[in-house]
Protein backbone atom coordinates (compact mmCIF):
# COMPACT_ATOMS: atom_id res chain seq x y z
CA UNK A 1 0.00 0.00 0.00
CA UNK A 2 1.29 3.46 -0.86
CA UNK A 3 1.85 5.75 2.12
CA UNK A 4 -0.53 8.70 2.43
CA UNK A 5 -0.12 12.05 4.14
CA UNK A 6 -1.67 11.89 7.62
CA UNK A 7 -0.81 15.37 8.85
CA UNK A 8 0.98 18.47 7.62
CA UNK A 9 3.51 19.51 10.24
CA UNK A 10 4.80 22.70 8.63
CA UNK A 11 4.97 24.64 5.39
CA UNK A 12 8.04 26.73 4.59
CA UNK A 13 8.40 28.46 1.24
CA UNK A 14 7.40 25.71 -1.20
CA UNK A 15 8.33 22.79 1.07
CA UNK A 16 5.85 20.74 3.07
CA UNK A 17 6.93 18.72 6.10
CA UNK A 18 4.38 15.98 6.73
CA UNK A 19 3.71 12.86 8.76
CA UNK A 20 2.87 9.94 6.48
CA UNK A 21 0.76 6.84 7.12
CA UNK A 22 3.93 4.74 7.48
CA UNK A 23 4.82 7.00 10.47
CA UNK A 24 7.72 8.59 8.60
CA UNK A 25 8.21 12.35 8.54
CA UNK A 26 9.24 13.64 5.12
CA UNK A 27 9.91 17.04 3.62
CA UNK A 28 8.75 17.47 0.04
CA UNK A 29 10.20 20.47 -1.78
CA UNK A 30 7.94 21.55 -4.63
CA UNK A 31 10.00 24.61 -5.65
CA UNK A 32 11.80 23.01 -8.60
CA UNK A 33 8.60 21.46 -9.95
CA UNK A 34 6.62 24.69 -9.56
CA UNK A 35 9.38 26.83 -11.10
CA UNK A 36 8.33 25.50 -14.51
CA UNK A 37 4.98 27.29 -14.15
CA UNK A 38 6.12 30.88 -13.39
CA UNK A 39 5.48 31.88 -17.02
CA UNK A 40 2.35 29.76 -17.56
CA UNK A 41 -0.46 31.91 -16.19
CA UNK A 42 -3.13 29.56 -17.63
CA UNK A 43 -1.83 26.61 -15.61
CA UNK A 44 -3.62 25.41 -12.48
CA UNK A 45 -0.21 25.30 -10.78
CA UNK A 46 0.34 29.02 -11.41
CA UNK A 47 -2.32 29.79 -8.78
CA UNK A 48 -0.30 28.21 -5.96
CA UNK A 49 2.91 30.05 -6.84
CA UNK A 50 1.73 32.79 -4.50
CA UNK A 51 3.35 31.95 -1.14
CA UNK A 52 0.25 32.90 0.87
CA UNK A 53 -1.86 30.54 -1.27
CA UNK A 54 0.68 27.70 -0.92
CA UNK A 55 0.64 28.22 2.88
CA UNK A 56 -3.06 27.26 2.89
CA UNK A 57 -2.30 23.64 1.92
CA UNK A 58 -4.31 21.05 3.84
CA UNK A 59 -4.60 17.27 3.83
CA UNK A 60 -7.59 14.95 4.02
CA UNK A 61 -5.29 12.05 5.06
CA UNK A 62 -4.98 11.04 1.40
CA UNK A 63 -3.95 14.10 -0.59
CA UNK A 64 -2.46 17.53 -0.13
CA UNK A 65 -4.46 20.39 -1.58
CA UNK A 66 -6.43 23.52 -0.84
CA UNK A 67 -9.56 22.28 0.91
C-alpha atoms as a PDB file:
ATOM      1  CA  UNK A   1       0.000   0.000   0.000  1.00  0.00           C
ATOM      2  CA  UNK A   2       1.287   3.456  -0.859  1.00  0.00           C
ATOM      3  CA  UNK A   3       1.854   5.747   2.119  1.00  0.00           C
ATOM      4  CA  UNK A   4      -0.526   8.703   2.432  1.00  0.00           C
ATOM      5  CA  UNK A   5      -0.121  12.049   4.141  1.00  0.00           C
ATOM      6  CA  UNK A   6      -1.673  11.889   7.619  1.00  0.00           C
ATOM      7  CA  UNK A   7      -0.810  15.365   8.854  1.00  0.00           C
ATOM      8  CA  UNK A   8       0.976  18.467   7.618  1.00  0.00           C
ATOM      9  CA  UNK A   9       3.510  19.509  10.242  1.00  0.00           C
ATOM     10  CA  UNK A  10       4.798  22.696   8.631  1.00  0.00           C
ATOM     11  CA  UNK A  11       4.973  24.639   5.386  1.00  0.00           C
ATOM     12  CA  UNK A  12       8.038  26.729   4.593  1.00  0.00           C
ATOM     13  CA  UNK A  13       8.404  28.457   1.242  1.00  0.00           C
ATOM     14  CA  UNK A  14       7.398  25.708  -1.197  1.00  0.00           C
ATOM     15  CA  UNK A  15       8.331  22.787   1.073  1.00  0.00           C
ATOM     16  CA  UNK A  16       5.850  20.740   3.070  1.00  0.00           C
ATOM     17  CA  UNK A  17       6.933  18.718   6.096  1.00  0.00           C
ATOM     18  CA  UNK A  18       4.381  15.979   6.733  1.00  0.00           C
ATOM     19  CA  UNK A  19       3.708  12.859   8.764  1.00  0.00           C
ATOM     20  CA  UNK A  20       2.873   9.939   6.484  1.00  0.00           C
ATOM     21  CA  UNK A  21       0.755   6.844   7.120  1.00  0.00           C
ATOM     22  CA  UNK A  22       3.929   4.745   7.476  1.00  0.00           C
ATOM     23  CA  UNK A  23       4.817   7.002  10.467  1.00  0.00           C
ATOM     24  CA  UNK A  24       7.717   8.590   8.596  1.00  0.00           C
ATOM     25  CA  UNK A  25       8.213  12.355   8.537  1.00  0.00           C
ATOM     26  CA  UNK A  26       9.244  13.640   5.123  1.00  0.00           C
ATOM     27  CA  UNK A  27       9.914  17.039   3.617  1.00  0.00           C
ATOM     28  CA  UNK A  28       8.747  17.469   0.039  1.00  0.00           C
ATOM     29  CA  UNK A  29      10.197  20.467  -1.777  1.00  0.00           C
ATOM     30  CA  UNK A  30       7.937  21.552  -4.635  1.00  0.00           C
ATOM     31  CA  UNK A  31       9.998  24.613  -5.653  1.00  0.00           C
ATOM     32  CA  UNK A  32      11.803  23.011  -8.598  1.00  0.00           C
ATOM     33  CA  UNK A  33       8.596  21.456  -9.946  1.00  0.00           C
ATOM     34  CA  UNK A  34       6.624  24.692  -9.558  1.00  0.00           C
ATOM     35  CA  UNK A  35       9.377  26.833 -11.103  1.00  0.00           C
ATOM     36  CA  UNK A  36       8.328  25.498 -14.513  1.00  0.00           C
ATOM     37  CA  UNK A  37       4.981  27.293 -14.155  1.00  0.00           C
ATOM     38  CA  UNK A  38       6.116  30.880 -13.395  1.00  0.00           C
ATOM     39  CA  UNK A  39       5.485  31.879 -17.016  1.00  0.00           C
ATOM     40  CA  UNK A  40       2.353  29.760 -17.561  1.00  0.00           C
ATOM     41  CA  UNK A  41      -0.459  31.911 -16.194  1.00  0.00           C
ATOM     42  CA  UNK A  42      -3.133  29.564 -17.627  1.00  0.00           C
ATOM     43  CA  UNK A  43      -1.827  26.611 -15.608  1.00  0.00           C
ATOM     44  CA  UNK A  44      -3.624  25.408 -12.482  1.00  0.00           C
ATOM     45  CA  UNK A  45      -0.210  25.298 -10.778  1.00  0.00           C
ATOM     46  CA  UNK A  46       0.338  29.018 -11.405  1.00  0.00           C
ATOM     47  CA  UNK A  47      -2.321  29.794  -8.780  1.00  0.00           C
ATOM     48  CA  UNK A  48      -0.299  28.209  -5.960  1.00  0.00           C
ATOM     49  CA  UNK A  49       2.909  30.049  -6.838  1.00  0.00           C
ATOM     50  CA  UNK A  50       1.735  32.790  -4.504  1.00  0.00           C
ATOM     51  CA  UNK A  51       3.347  31.953  -1.144  1.00  0.00           C
ATOM     52  CA  UNK A  52       0.248  32.897   0.866  1.00  0.00           C
ATOM     53  CA  UNK A  53      -1.862  30.535  -1.268  1.00  0.00           C
ATOM     54  CA  UNK A  54       0.683  27.704  -0.918  1.00  0.00           C
ATOM     55  CA  UNK A  55       0.642  28.218   2.877  1.00  0.00           C
ATOM     56  CA  UNK A  56      -3.064  27.256   2.886  1.00  0.00           C
ATOM     57  CA  UNK A  57      -2.297  23.640   1.918  1.00  0.00           C
ATOM     58  CA  UNK A  58      -4.307  21.050   3.843  1.00  0.00           C
ATOM     59  CA  UNK A  59      -4.602  17.272   3.833  1.00  0.00           C
ATOM     60  CA  UNK A  60      -7.586  14.949   4.017  1.00  0.00           C
ATOM     61  CA  UNK A  61      -5.291  12.050   5.055  1.00  0.00           C
ATOM     62  CA  UNK A  62      -4.978  11.039   1.403  1.00  0.00           C
ATOM     63  CA  UNK A  63      -3.954  14.096  -0.586  1.00  0.00           C
ATOM     64  CA  UNK A  64      -2.456  17.531  -0.130  1.00  0.00           C
ATOM     65  CA  UNK A  65      -4.465  20.394  -1.582  1.00  0.00           C
ATOM     66  CA  UNK A  66      -6.427  23.521  -0.839  1.00  0.00           C
ATOM     67  CA  UNK A  67      -9.559  22.285   0.915  1.00  0.00           C
END
